[in-house]
Protein backbone atom coordinates (compact mmCIF):
# COMPACT_ATOMS: atom_id res chain seq x y z
CA MET A 1 0.00 0.00 0.00
CA LYS A 2 1.44 3.33 -1.10
CA ILE A 3 1.12 6.31 1.26
CA ASP A 4 -0.25 9.51 -0.27
CA TRP A 5 2.13 11.97 1.44
CA LYS A 6 0.49 15.06 -0.08
CA ARG A 7 -2.79 14.11 1.50
CA LYS A 8 -1.20 13.14 4.81
CA LEU A 9 0.84 16.33 5.14
CA THR A 10 -2.18 18.53 4.48
CA SER A 11 -4.44 16.63 6.88
CA ARG A 12 -5.32 18.45 10.12
CA LYS A 13 -6.05 15.10 11.75
CA PHE A 14 -2.53 13.91 10.97
CA TRP A 15 -0.94 17.02 12.50
CA LEU A 16 -3.16 16.83 15.59
CA ALA A 17 -2.09 13.22 16.03
CA VAL A 18 1.59 14.19 15.68
CA ALA A 19 1.19 17.07 18.14
CA GLY A 20 -0.59 14.77 20.61
CA LEU A 21 2.09 12.12 20.30
CA ILE A 22 4.96 14.56 20.83
CA SER A 23 3.17 16.26 23.73
CA GLY A 24 2.56 12.89 25.36
CA ILE A 25 6.22 11.96 24.98
CA VAL A 26 7.30 15.28 26.52
CA ILE A 27 4.98 14.78 29.51
CA ALA A 28 6.09 11.13 29.91
CA CYS A 29 9.72 12.24 30.00
CA ASN A 30 8.95 14.57 32.95
CA GLY A 31 8.64 17.66 30.78
CA SER A 32 6.33 20.43 31.89
CA ALA A 33 2.85 20.95 30.50
CA GLU A 34 3.99 24.39 29.32
CA THR A 35 6.76 22.81 27.23
CA ALA A 36 4.29 20.32 25.74
CA GLU A 37 1.88 23.16 24.85
CA THR A 38 4.69 25.15 23.24
CA ILE A 39 5.82 22.18 21.16
CA SER A 40 2.22 21.45 20.10
CA GLY A 41 1.80 25.08 19.05
CA ILE A 42 4.96 24.93 16.96
CA ILE A 43 3.84 21.70 15.27
CA MET A 44 0.41 23.15 14.42
CA ALA A 45 1.99 26.36 13.09
CA ALA A 46 4.28 24.29 10.89
CA ALA A 47 1.26 22.27 9.71
CA SER A 48 -0.47 25.49 8.67
CA VAL A 49 2.54 26.52 6.61
CA VAL A 50 2.80 23.08 4.97
CA GLY A 51 -0.91 23.10 4.10
CA TYR A 52 -0.65 26.61 2.66
CA LEU A 53 2.38 25.70 0.54
CA PHE A 54 0.67 22.62 -0.88
CA ALA A 55 -2.50 24.58 -1.65
CA GLU A 56 -0.55 27.35 -3.38
CA GLY A 57 1.46 24.79 -5.33
CA LEU A 58 -1.68 23.08 -6.56
CA THR A 59 -3.26 26.42 -7.47
CA ASP A 60 -0.17 27.50 -9.37
CA ALA A 61 0.03 24.17 -11.20
CA GLN A 62 -3.61 24.46 -12.29
CA GLY A 63 -3.03 28.04 -13.41
CA TYR A 64 -0.29 26.96 -15.79
CA GLN A 65 -2.42 24.19 -17.27
CA THR A 66 -5.55 26.20 -17.98
CA PRO A 67 -5.13 29.80 -19.14
CA SER A 68 -7.72 32.23 -17.83
CA GLN A 69 -8.66 33.35 -21.33
CA PRO A 70 -7.56 31.90 -24.68
CA ASP A 71 -5.54 34.24 -26.90
CA ASP A 72 -7.97 33.96 -29.81
CA GLN A 73 -10.87 35.34 -27.75
CA GLU A 74 -9.52 38.69 -26.66
CA ILE A 75 -12.04 41.28 -25.57
CA ASP A 76 -11.49 44.69 -27.14
CA ASP A 77 -14.15 46.55 -25.20
CA PRO A 78 -13.98 46.04 -21.40
CA GLU A 79 -17.73 46.71 -21.10
CA GLU A 80 -18.36 43.81 -23.46
CA GLU A 81 -17.10 41.40 -20.80
CA PHE A 82 -19.45 42.77 -18.15
CA HIS A 83 -23.06 43.45 -18.93
CA PHE A 84 -23.96 46.73 -17.24
CA GLU A 85 -27.58 47.62 -16.96
CA GLU A 86 -28.50 51.24 -16.33
CA GLU A 87 -31.77 52.14 -14.68
């Protein structure tokens, strides 16, 4: 069975499990609750950055594959693109 690392690294459940595991290990090794909370906060902050980077990477990759407007359908008049109705 192949692990889908993109999906794992962007999963909040995965990062909560990692933070819980590390916090538990810190407490079990006679670390303070404050240290465990600090480490959990750092892990969750890192998870946010990883999720953001993956999301931006996917967005950028899709942007290169599908142009926003084909070159042969240029709009000369900007009002032609938007239909303004005056009352």
